[in-house]
Amino acid sequence: MEREIWFEKILWSYMPCHWKGWAAMAAVMAPTLAAIFLARHMAFALGYENDGWLVLPIFLSGWLSMLFIAKRHS
């Protein structure tokens, strides 16, 4: 069975060309954004004012997982 093409490679990035590509992006972006907002809220509630570093590992995990999915389905 062949893999379905959900993303097209354009220059150095992947763009969704199928509805499943858009769904995969939403399925990765929604929990990533929720985790970023929750981490920032929890840091503020605990009294940490400089919490910008929390965004980086959460963002990188979402970006790398989306890159893996896009590369596999292109």
C-alpha atoms as a PDB file:
ATOM      1  CA  MET A   1       0.000   0.000   0.000  1.00  0.00           C
ATOM      2  CA  GLU A   2       1.382   3.400  -0.978  1.00  0.00           C
ATOM      3  CA  ARG A   3       1.525   6.413   1.275  1.00  0.00           C
ATOM      4  CA  GLU A   4      -0.935   9.183   0.567  1.00  0.00           C
ATOM      5  CA  ILE A   5       0.413  12.559  -0.507  1.00  0.00           C
ATOM      6  CA  TRP A   6      -0.812  15.169   1.978  1.00  0.00           C
ATOM      7  CA  PHE A   7       1.948  17.756   1.532  1.00  0.00           C
ATOM      8  CA  GLU A   8       3.857  19.189  -1.429  1.00  0.00           C
ATOM      9  CA  LYS A   9       7.437  20.319  -1.029  1.00  0.00           C
ATOM     10  CA  ILE A  10       7.816  23.896  -2.239  1.00  0.00           C
ATOM     11  CA  LEU A  11      11.383  25.208  -2.011  1.00  0.00           C
ATOM     12  CA  TRP A  12      12.417  24.333   1.561  1.00  0.00           C
ATOM     13  CA  SER A  13       8.986  23.953   3.163  1.00  0.00           C
ATOM     14  CA  TYR A  14       5.983  21.643   2.998  1.00  0.00           C
ATOM     15  CA  MET A  15       2.536  22.936   2.092  1.00  0.00           C
ATOM     16  CA  PRO A  16      -0.670  20.934   2.616  1.00  0.00           C
ATOM     17  CA  CYS A  17      -2.335  19.877  -0.618  1.00  0.00           C
ATOM     18  CA  HIS A  18      -4.952  17.483   0.807  1.00  0.00           C
ATOM     19  CA  TRP A  19      -7.575  17.865   3.507  1.00  0.00           C
ATOM     20  CA  LYS A  20      -5.692  15.353   5.646  1.00  0.00           C
ATOM     21  CA  GLY A  21      -2.670  17.653   5.553  1.00  0.00           C
ATOM     22  CA  TRP A  22      -4.762  20.493   6.947  1.00  0.00           C
ATOM     23  CA  ALA A  23      -6.213  18.126   9.562  1.00  0.00           C
ATOM     24  CA  ALA A  24      -2.736  16.969  10.588  1.00  0.00           C
ATOM     25  CA  MET A  25      -1.643  20.575  10.991  1.00  0.00           C
ATOM     26  CA  ALA A  26      -4.659  21.337  13.168  1.00  0.00           C
ATOM     27  CA  ALA A  27      -4.107  18.162  15.208  1.00  0.00           C
ATOM     28  CA  VAL A  28      -0.541  19.235  16.012  1.00  0.00           C
ATOM     29  CA  MET A  29      -1.118  22.971  16.383  1.00  0.00           C
ATOM     30  CA  ALA A  30      -4.089  22.811  18.762  1.00  0.00           C
ATOM     31  CA  PRO A  31      -2.347  20.873  21.586  1.00  0.00           C
ATOM     32  CA  THR A  32       0.879  22.816  21.031  1.00  0.00           C
ATOM     33  CA  LEU A  33      -0.864  26.169  21.424  1.00  0.00           C
ATOM     34  CA  ALA A  34      -2.842  24.876  24.395  1.00  0.00           C
ATOM     35  CA  ALA A  35       0.382  23.719  26.072  1.00  0.00           C
ATOM     36  CA  ILE A  36       2.052  27.089  25.439  1.00  0.00           C
ATOM     37  CA  PHE A  37      -0.874  29.035  26.904  1.00  0.00           C
ATOM     38  CA  LEU A  38      -1.176  26.675  29.876  1.00  0.00           C
ATOM     39  CA  ALA A  39       2.561  26.821  30.631  1.00  0.00           C
ATOM     40  CA  ARG A  40       2.573  30.624  30.491  1.00  0.00           C
ATOM     41  CA  HIS A  41      -0.520  30.808  32.677  1.00  0.00           C
ATOM     42  CA  MET A  42       0.948  28.421  35.258  1.00  0.00           C
ATOM     43  CA  ALA A  43       4.259  30.287  35.325  1.00  0.00           C
ATOM     44  CA  PHE A  44       2.456  33.590  35.857  1.00  0.00           C
ATOM     45  CA  ALA A  45       0.314  32.032  38.604  1.00  0.00           C
ATOM     46  CA  LEU A  46       3.462  30.815  40.379  1.00  0.00           C
ATOM     47  CA  GLY A  47       5.024  34.255  40.196  1.00  0.00           C
ATOM     48  CA  TYR A  48       7.559  33.844  37.393  1.00  0.00           C
ATOM     49  CA  GLU A  49       7.637  37.027  35.366  1.00  0.00           C
ATOM     50  CA  ASN A  50      10.306  35.999  32.836  1.00  0.00           C
ATOM     51  CA  ASP A  51       8.698  32.854  31.396  1.00  0.00           C
ATOM     52  CA  GLY A  52       9.619  33.321  27.720  1.00  0.00           C
ATOM     53  CA  TRP A  53      11.934  30.315  27.807  1.00  0.00           C
ATOM     54  CA  LEU A  54       8.960  27.977  28.374  1.00  0.00           C
ATOM     55  CA  VAL A  55       7.677  28.562  24.856  1.00  0.00           C
ATOM     56  CA  LEU A  56      10.806  27.306  23.085  1.00  0.00           C
ATOM     57  CA  PRO A  57      10.777  23.569  24.012  1.00  0.00           C
ATOM     58  CA  ILE A  58       7.019  23.332  23.503  1.00  0.00           C
ATOM     59  CA  PHE A  59       7.230  25.071  20.129  1.00  0.00           C
ATOM     60  CA  LEU A  60      10.175  22.912  19.014  1.00  0.00           C
ATOM     61  CA  SER A  61       8.370  19.690  19.900  1.00  0.00           C
ATOM     62  CA  GLY A  62       5.322  20.751  17.871  1.00  0.00           C
ATOM     63  CA  TRP A  63       7.452  21.943  14.956  1.00  0.00           C
ATOM     64  CA  LEU A  64       9.558  18.770  14.823  1.00  0.00           C
ATOM     65  CA  SER A  65       6.544  16.479  15.012  1.00  0.00           C
ATOM     66  CA  MET A  66       4.820  18.422  12.201  1.00  0.00           C
ATOM     67  CA  LEU A  67       8.010  18.295  10.136  1.00  0.00           C
ATOM     68  CA  PHE A  68       8.185  14.518  10.613  1.00  0.00           C
ATOM     69  CA  ILE A  69       4.546  14.082   9.559  1.00  0.00           C
ATOM     70  CA  ALA A  70       4.923  16.385   6.541  1.00  0.00           C
ATOM     71  CA  LYS A  71       8.125  14.707   5.384  1.00  0.00           C
ATOM     72  CA  ARG A  72       6.564  11.257   5.674  1.00  0.00           C
ATOM     73  CA  HIS A  73       3.441  12.221   3.724  1.00  0.00           C
ATOM     74  CA  SER A  74       5.031  14.231   0.927  1.00  0.00           C
END
